[in-house]
Amino acid sequence: MRESPPLLRSYNDKGLSGGFLEDFAVMAIPEHTFPSRTKWLLRQKKLWAGLTLWLLLGASLVVLGGRMLPLKMVEDHAMTPVQHVIGSLIELMILIVMMGLVQLIARRRSYPDLAARAPNRGVSAREAAWLWVYAAIVLGFGQWLGLRLFGEGIGLHLNGCISGATRVQSPAEVWTWAMYNGVFYALIPYVIFRRRGYSRRDLNLVSADWKNDTFIILLVLLIGCGLELLGPNIFRLTHHQQIAGGSLSFFVHLLGTDLPIMIFIYAILVPRYYRLFSPATAFLLGAVSYPALHIFESWTNYDTPMHSLLSVMFAFFVFFPAGLMKSYLTMRTGNAWVHMWAYHAFTPHVMVDTRLVVKDFGIQ
């Protein structure tokens, strides 16, 4: 009888078996051929099922959304449901190409053992469940607090991301948004899990190959910035606005959305997903978790049951491709910093959102 690979034996020792083991063994055993990894990914039925559901979600938006989606979008950014679906399909195709390039760069690296960075299945399940309960409370309280203080709830993005700004926010509101998200989604969870004994490596915050990670970051960042040049971007501002506004946009978004998403989802939740589920399922959960935290954006409309349904559907449809990219970069490198620097902090939050910050802070 052929002996199991060392990694597989170690998981058998922990009492795990079945499809999880087989899937994980395929990913974790070092293998240097790019085609074999691609074939493994293309054979995953769960991945195709997830993409099919995403396409059905887009079709449902077209059917139920009518001529224009009932969302709080300014006229310049308002598009028909068909236009939104086409835009998201194009985005997904571009991201798939980028994932392929990342895979090519990292072809000599073995897949990291993310499941080993989480505790046993029982503890992982409890921690993941409590994290989502905590997230629901923070999301709900953010809506109440923002409405009470500024007339608009606190979401994971500033008013204006994706849909265009419906109003100019005060500097006090921007800083409140940044500090609220930074404290409740990043600082508190990080401190709690560090005090529970998890190392920075357990939280996906250490690089196993910083040179390769840097190469991946630069490649993805370069492509992303190049694509941002096709639309309104930082280079349409004055030099002073580019420097002052760009620096400020980088800092407030780092606190308000970059670090919160990285810590909450890709540092803490993702290892627990890999402990609890097969790699394909964990990968998809990492992708879906991103839109799940964005159901209270400034453009959402919850005044009727149908509008509420369409708001949630649109959030999951439009944010899922970006979630796939973030989940993939974390899965491939085992380093949550990679997705933040490559595909969040600078593009779009400096390249595009500097325009919002310049208006909110009145930078001339």
Protein backbone atom coordinates (compact mmCIF):
# COMPACT_ATOMS: atom_id res chain seq x y z
CA MET A 1 0.00 0.00 0.00
CA ARG A 2 1.37 3.42 -1.00
CA GLU A 3 2.29 5.55 1.98
CA SER A 4 0.46 8.85 2.41
CA PRO A 5 2.42 12.09 1.91
CA PRO A 6 3.82 13.58 5.15
CA LEU A 7 1.26 16.40 5.23
CA LEU A 8 -1.57 13.94 4.70
CA ARG A 9 -0.27 11.73 7.51
CA SER A 10 -0.11 14.72 9.85
CA TYR A 11 -3.75 15.50 9.23
CA ASN A 12 -4.74 11.87 9.67
CA ASP A 13 -3.07 12.06 13.06
CA LYS A 14 -5.46 14.88 13.93
CA GLY A 15 -8.47 12.79 13.05
CA LEU A 16 -9.32 14.42 9.71
CA SER A 17 -10.21 12.43 6.65
CA GLY A 18 -12.13 12.36 3.40
CA GLY A 19 -12.36 14.89 0.61
CA PHE A 20 -10.80 17.63 2.70
CA LEU A 21 -7.58 15.68 3.01
CA GLU A 22 -7.41 14.77 -0.63
CA ASP A 23 -8.06 18.35 -1.76
CA PHE A 24 -5.58 19.81 0.67
CA ALA A 25 -2.88 17.29 -0.13
CA VAL A 26 -3.10 18.22 -3.80
CA MET A 27 -2.59 21.89 -2.96
CA ALA A 28 0.02 21.61 -0.25
CA ILE A 29 2.51 19.14 -1.73
CA PRO A 30 5.16 21.13 -3.62
CA GLU A 31 4.82 20.90 -7.36
CA HIS A 32 6.49 23.17 -9.85
CA THR A 33 4.35 22.77 -12.93
CA PHE A 34 1.91 25.59 -13.72
CA PRO A 35 -0.46 23.51 -15.91
CA SER A 36 -1.12 20.97 -13.15
CA ARG A 37 -2.27 23.71 -10.78
CA THR A 38 -4.52 25.16 -13.45
CA LYS A 39 -6.04 21.74 -14.12
CA TRP A 40 -6.68 21.23 -10.42
CA LEU A 41 -8.50 24.56 -10.22
CA LEU A 42 -10.54 23.93 -13.35
CA ARG A 43 -11.65 20.55 -11.99
CA GLN A 44 -13.18 22.02 -8.85
CA LYS A 45 -16.96 21.66 -9.15
CA LYS A 46 -17.47 24.00 -6.21
CA LEU A 47 -15.67 26.78 -8.04
CA TRP A 48 -17.85 26.35 -11.11
CA ALA A 49 -20.94 26.18 -8.91
CA GLY A 50 -19.94 29.45 -7.25
CA LEU A 51 -19.38 31.17 -10.58
CA THR A 52 -22.70 29.84 -11.86
CA LEU A 53 -24.52 31.23 -8.83
CA TRP A 54 -22.78 34.56 -9.39
CA LEU A 55 -23.97 34.65 -13.01
CA LEU A 56 -27.50 33.74 -11.92
CA LEU A 57 -27.32 36.58 -9.41
CA GLY A 58 -26.42 38.97 -12.24
CA ALA A 59 -29.28 37.63 -14.39
CA SER A 60 -31.67 38.12 -11.46
CA LEU A 61 -30.57 41.75 -11.15
CA VAL A 62 -31.41 42.28 -14.81
CA VAL A 63 -34.83 40.65 -14.43
CA LEU A 64 -35.81 42.24 -11.10
CA GLY A 65 -33.98 45.56 -11.36
CA GLY A 66 -36.07 47.07 -14.12
CA ARG A 67 -34.68 49.84 -16.26
CA MET A 68 -32.53 51.25 -13.44
CA LEU A 69 -31.63 49.70 -10.12
CA PRO A 70 -33.34 51.51 -7.20
CA LEU A 71 -30.03 52.41 -5.57
CA LYS A 72 -28.74 55.74 -4.27
CA MET A 73 -26.40 56.45 -7.17
CA VAL A 74 -25.64 59.86 -8.63
CA GLU A 75 -26.64 60.38 -12.25
CA ASP A 76 -23.08 60.26 -13.63
CA HIS A 77 -22.58 56.77 -12.18
CA ALA A 78 -26.07 55.36 -12.70
CA MET A 79 -26.08 52.43 -15.13
CA THR A 80 -28.65 49.91 -16.24
CA PRO A 81 -28.51 46.42 -14.71
CA VAL A 82 -27.23 45.07 -18.02
CA GLN A 83 -24.36 47.58 -18.00
CA HIS A 84 -23.47 46.60 -14.42
CA VAL A 85 -23.44 42.91 -15.36
CA ILE A 86 -21.27 43.49 -18.43
CA GLY A 87 -18.86 45.63 -16.39
CA SER A 88 -18.53 42.96 -13.70
CA LEU A 89 -18.00 40.23 -16.30
CA ILE A 90 -15.17 42.23 -17.87
CA GLU A 91 -13.67 42.81 -14.42
CA LEU A 92 -13.81 39.09 -13.64
CA MET A 93 -12.10 38.16 -16.91
CA ILE A 94 -9.31 40.67 -16.25
CA LEU A 95 -8.85 39.32 -12.73
CA ILE A 96 -8.67 35.74 -14.00
CA VAL A 97 -5.83 36.78 -16.31
CA MET A 98 -4.11 38.49 -13.37
CA MET A 99 -4.51 35.36 -11.25
CA GLY A 100 -2.90 33.35 -14.03
CA LEU A 101 0.08 35.71 -14.08
CA VAL A 102 0.41 35.48 -10.31
CA GLN A 103 0.29 31.69 -10.54
CA LEU A 104 3.04 31.79 -13.14
CA ILE A 105 5.24 33.97 -10.91
CA ALA A 106 4.64 31.74 -7.88
CA ARG A 107 4.89 28.44 -9.79
CA ARG A 108 7.95 27.28 -7.82
CA ARG A 109 6.30 27.91 -4.45
CA SER A 110 4.25 25.28 -2.66
CA TYR A 111 0.81 26.27 -1.46
CA PRO A 112 0.89 27.35 2.21
CA ASP A 113 -0.80 25.17 4.81
CA LEU A 114 -3.40 27.70 5.95
CA ALA A 115 -5.42 25.13 7.87
CA ALA A 116 -2.45 24.48 10.15
CA ARG A 117 -2.56 28.13 11.21
CA ALA A 118 -5.99 27.71 12.81
CA PRO A 119 -6.92 25.74 15.95
CA ASN A 120 -8.87 22.48 15.94
CA ARG A 121 -12.18 22.32 14.12
CA GLY A 122 -14.35 22.93 17.18
CA VAL A 123 -12.47 26.04 18.26
CA SER A 124 -12.24 27.31 14.67
CA ALA A 125 -16.00 26.93 14.20
CA ARG A 126 -16.76 28.83 17.41
CA GLU A 127 -14.30 31.59 16.61
CA ALA A 128 -15.62 32.02 13.05
CA ALA A 129 -19.22 32.08 14.27
CA TRP A 130 -18.51 34.64 16.97
CA LEU A 131 -16.57 36.79 14.52
CA TRP A 132 -19.60 37.03 12.26
CA VAL A 133 -21.89 37.79 15.19
CA TYR A 134 -19.44 40.52 16.17
CA ALA A 135 -19.36 41.82 12.58
CA ALA A 136 -23.17 42.00 12.47
CA ILE A 137 -23.19 44.04 15.68
CA VAL A 138 -20.47 46.40 14.42
CA LEU A 139 -22.23 46.85 11.08
CA GLY A 140 -25.56 47.56 12.75
CA PHE A 141 -24.13 49.92 15.35
CA GLY A 142 -22.20 51.73 12.63
CA GLN A 143 -25.45 52.42 10.81
CA TRP A 144 -27.09 53.76 13.96
CA LEU A 145 -24.11 55.88 14.98
CA GLY A 146 -23.52 57.33 11.53
CA LEU A 147 -27.18 58.23 11.04
CA ARG A 148 -27.30 59.84 14.46
CA LEU A 149 -24.12 61.89 13.98
CA PHE A 150 -24.04 62.64 10.26
CA GLY A 151 -27.28 61.50 8.67
CA GLU A 152 -25.67 58.48 6.96
CA GLY A 153 -24.55 55.12 8.30
CA ILE A 154 -20.93 54.00 8.53
CA GLY A 155 -20.04 51.37 5.93
CA LEU A 156 -16.80 49.80 4.77
CA HIS A 157 -16.39 52.41 2.04
CA LEU A 158 -16.67 56.18 2.01
CA ASN A 159 -19.65 57.72 0.29
CA GLY A 160 -18.67 57.89 -3.38
CA CYS A 161 -16.91 54.58 -3.94
CA ILE A 162 -18.31 52.85 -7.03
CA SER A 163 -21.45 54.98 -7.23
CA GLY A 164 -20.10 58.53 -7.00
CA ALA A 165 -20.51 60.80 -3.98
CA THR A 166 -24.10 61.82 -3.20
CA ARG A 167 -22.84 64.61 -0.93
CA VAL A 168 -19.67 66.20 0.41
CA GLN A 169 -18.67 64.77 3.78
CA SER A 170 -17.04 66.80 6.50
CA PRO A 171 -13.48 65.97 7.62
CA ALA A 172 -14.93 65.00 11.00
CA GLU A 173 -17.19 62.43 9.32
CA VAL A 174 -14.33 61.00 7.27
CA TRP A 175 -12.12 60.62 10.35
CA THR A 176 -14.99 59.11 12.35
CA TRP A 177 -15.54 56.57 9.56
CA ALA A 178 -11.83 55.70 9.43
CA MET A 179 -11.37 55.39 13.19
CA TYR A 180 -14.59 53.41 13.71
CA ASN A 181 -13.70 50.80 11.11
CA GLY A 182 -10.03 50.73 12.05
CA VAL A 183 -10.74 50.13 15.72
CA PHE A 184 -13.64 47.69 15.47
CA TYR A 185 -12.67 45.60 12.45
CA ALA A 186 -8.88 45.68 12.73
CA LEU A 187 -7.45 46.76 16.09
CA ILE A 188 -9.80 44.97 18.48
CA PRO A 189 -9.90 41.63 16.59
CA TYR A 190 -6.12 41.71 16.13
CA VAL A 191 -5.42 42.39 19.80
CA ILE A 192 -7.90 39.75 20.96
CA PHE A 193 -6.49 37.02 18.74
CA ARG A 194 -2.90 37.91 19.57
CA ARG A 195 -3.79 37.69 23.26
CA ARG A 196 -5.36 34.29 22.58
CA GLY A 197 -1.90 33.12 21.60
CA TYR A 198 -1.98 33.29 17.82
CA SER A 199 1.29 34.38 16.22
CA ARG A 200 1.59 36.78 13.30
CA ARG A 201 2.24 33.77 11.10
CA ASP A 202 -0.98 32.14 12.36
CA LEU A 203 -2.75 35.33 11.23
CA ASN A 204 -1.22 35.28 7.73
CA LEU A 205 0.85 38.37 8.51
CA VAL A 206 4.31 36.95 7.80
CA SER A 207 5.83 36.39 4.36
CA ALA A 208 7.37 33.02 3.52
CA ASP A 209 9.08 34.50 0.45
CA TRP A 210 9.23 38.29 0.59
CA LYS A 211 11.00 38.63 -2.76
CA ASN A 212 8.33 36.66 -4.59
CA ASP A 213 5.56 38.43 -2.66
CA THR A 214 7.05 41.79 -3.63
CA PHE A 215 7.19 40.77 -7.28
CA ILE A 216 3.52 39.70 -7.15
CA ILE A 217 2.51 42.97 -5.46
CA LEU A 218 4.32 45.07 -8.05
CA LEU A 219 2.86 43.16 -10.98
CA VAL A 220 -0.75 43.29 -9.75
CA LEU A 221 -0.36 46.91 -8.67
CA LEU A 222 1.10 47.95 -12.03
CA ILE A 223 -1.73 46.31 -13.96
CA GLY A 224 -4.36 47.75 -11.63
CA CYS A 225 -2.96 51.27 -11.84
CA GLY A 226 -2.75 50.97 -15.61
CA LEU A 227 -6.43 50.05 -15.81
CA GLU A 228 -7.36 52.95 -13.52
CA LEU A 229 -5.82 55.34 -16.07
CA LEU A 230 -8.75 54.55 -18.39
CA GLY A 231 -11.19 56.42 -16.16
CA PRO A 232 -11.26 59.39 -13.74
CA ASN A 233 -8.14 59.18 -11.60
CA ILE A 234 -5.66 61.06 -9.45
CA PHE A 235 -3.74 62.46 -12.43
CA ARG A 236 -6.68 64.68 -13.33
CA LEU A 237 -6.06 66.69 -10.17
CA THR A 238 -3.54 69.46 -9.57
CA HIS A 239 -0.04 68.56 -8.35
CA HIS A 240 -0.86 69.81 -4.85
CA GLN A 241 -4.08 67.80 -4.77
CA GLN A 242 -2.22 64.72 -5.97
CA ILE A 243 0.40 64.95 -3.22
CA ALA A 244 -1.70 66.23 -0.30
CA GLY A 245 -4.94 64.49 -1.27
CA GLY A 246 -3.23 61.26 -2.33
CA SER A 247 -1.31 60.99 0.95
CA LEU A 248 -4.44 61.72 2.98
CA SER A 249 -6.54 59.29 0.92
CA PHE A 250 -3.95 56.56 1.46
CA PHE A 251 -3.95 57.07 5.22
CA VAL A 252 -7.70 57.38 5.84
CA HIS A 253 -8.47 54.39 3.61
CA LEU A 254 -5.70 52.38 5.25
CA LEU A 255 -7.48 52.87 8.57
CA GLY A 256 -11.05 52.79 7.28
CA THR A 257 -11.13 49.83 4.89
CA ASP A 258 -7.70 48.38 3.94
CA LEU A 259 -6.56 47.13 7.36
CA PRO A 260 -10.10 46.23 8.52
CA ILE A 261 -10.68 43.96 5.51
CA MET A 262 -7.20 42.46 5.69
CA ILE A 263 -7.28 41.69 9.42
CA PHE A 264 -10.89 40.63 9.83
CA ILE A 265 -11.27 38.42 6.75
CA TYR A 266 -7.90 37.42 5.35
CA ALA A 267 -5.86 37.28 8.56
CA ILE A 268 -8.39 35.77 10.95
CA LEU A 269 -11.35 34.21 9.14
CA VAL A 270 -9.57 32.63 6.16
CA PRO A 271 -7.35 30.20 8.16
CA ARG A 272 -10.46 29.03 10.00
CA TYR A 273 -12.28 28.48 6.72
CA TYR A 274 -9.41 26.26 5.58
CA ARG A 275 -9.54 24.29 8.83
CA LEU A 276 -13.30 23.74 8.54
CA PHE A 277 -13.77 23.16 4.82
CA SER A 278 -12.05 21.90 1.68
CA PRO A 279 -9.63 24.35 0.01
CA ALA A 280 -12.08 25.07 -2.83
CA THR A 281 -14.90 25.89 -0.39
CA ALA A 282 -12.60 27.94 1.85
CA PHE A 283 -11.37 29.90 -1.18
CA LEU A 284 -14.95 30.75 -2.15
CA LEU A 285 -15.88 31.66 1.42
CA GLY A 286 -12.93 34.03 1.53
CA ALA A 287 -14.27 35.64 -1.64
CA VAL A 288 -17.88 35.85 -0.43
CA SER A 289 -16.89 37.29 2.94
CA TYR A 290 -15.71 40.47 1.21
CA PRO A 291 -19.14 41.49 -0.17
CA ALA A 292 -20.81 40.28 3.03
CA LEU A 293 -19.14 43.15 4.90
CA HIS A 294 -20.32 45.66 2.28
CA ILE A 295 -24.09 45.31 2.54
CA PHE A 296 -24.40 48.79 4.10
CA GLU A 297 -22.71 50.96 1.47
CA SER A 298 -23.81 54.55 0.87
CA TRP A 299 -25.63 53.50 -2.31
CA THR A 300 -27.74 50.75 -0.69
CA ASN A 301 -31.45 51.38 -0.32
CA TYR A 302 -33.44 49.60 2.40
CA ASP A 303 -36.70 51.53 2.27
CA THR A 304 -38.75 48.56 0.93
CA PRO A 305 -38.31 44.77 1.01
CA MET A 306 -37.66 44.64 -2.76
CA HIS A 307 -35.15 47.48 -2.64
CA SER A 308 -33.44 45.77 0.29
CA LEU A 309 -33.21 42.52 -1.65
CA LEU A 310 -31.77 44.26 -4.70
CA SER A 311 -29.26 46.16 -2.55
CA VAL A 312 -27.93 42.94 -1.01
CA MET A 313 -27.90 41.17 -4.39
CA PHE A 314 -26.01 44.04 -6.01
CA ALA A 315 -23.46 44.18 -3.19
CA PHE A 316 -22.67 40.47 -3.56
CA PHE A 317 -22.59 40.65 -7.34
CA VAL A 318 -20.37 43.70 -7.69
CA PHE A 319 -17.90 42.87 -4.89
CA PHE A 320 -17.51 39.13 -5.56
CA PRO A 321 -14.84 39.44 -8.31
CA ALA A 322 -12.65 41.60 -6.07
CA GLY A 323 -13.22 39.13 -3.25
CA LEU A 324 -12.02 36.31 -5.49
CA MET A 325 -8.79 38.18 -6.20
CA LYS A 326 -8.15 38.96 -2.55
CA SER A 327 -8.91 35.40 -1.51
CA TYR A 328 -6.68 33.99 -4.25
CA LEU A 329 -3.70 36.18 -3.37
CA THR A 330 -4.00 35.14 0.27
CA MET A 331 -4.42 31.47 -0.60
CA ARG A 332 -1.46 31.48 -2.97
CA THR A 333 1.04 33.37 -0.82
CA GLY A 334 -0.23 32.78 2.72
CA ASN A 335 0.44 36.48 3.27
CA ALA A 336 -2.58 38.75 3.82
CA TRP A 337 -0.44 41.84 3.24
CA VAL A 338 -0.07 40.92 -0.43
CA HIS A 339 -3.68 41.54 -1.38
CA MET A 340 -3.80 44.79 0.58
CA TRP A 341 -0.78 46.39 -1.09
CA ALA A 342 -1.41 44.88 -4.52
CA TYR A 343 -5.16 45.26 -4.85
CA HIS A 344 -6.63 47.65 -2.30
CA ALA A 345 -4.50 50.36 -0.72
CA PHE A 346 -3.30 52.12 -3.89
CA THR A 347 -5.78 50.90 -6.46
CA PRO A 348 -8.47 52.09 -6.13
CA HIS A 349 -8.16 54.08 -2.91
CA VAL A 350 -5.34 56.34 -4.05
CA MET A 351 -5.64 56.14 -7.82
CA VAL A 352 -9.39 56.83 -7.83
CA ASP A 353 -10.65 57.82 -4.38
CA THR A 354 -8.21 60.69 -3.92
CA ARG A 355 -10.80 62.73 -5.83
CA LEU A 356 -13.35 62.07 -3.05
CA VAL A 357 -10.94 62.97 -0.28
CA VAL A 358 -9.90 66.20 -2.05
CA LYS A 359 -13.56 67.30 -2.15
CA ASP A 360 -14.33 66.24 1.41
CA PHE A 361 -11.32 68.08 2.85
CA GLY A 362 -11.51 71.01 0.45
CA ILE A 363 -7.95 70.59 -0.81
CA GLN A 364 -7.18 73.13 -3.54
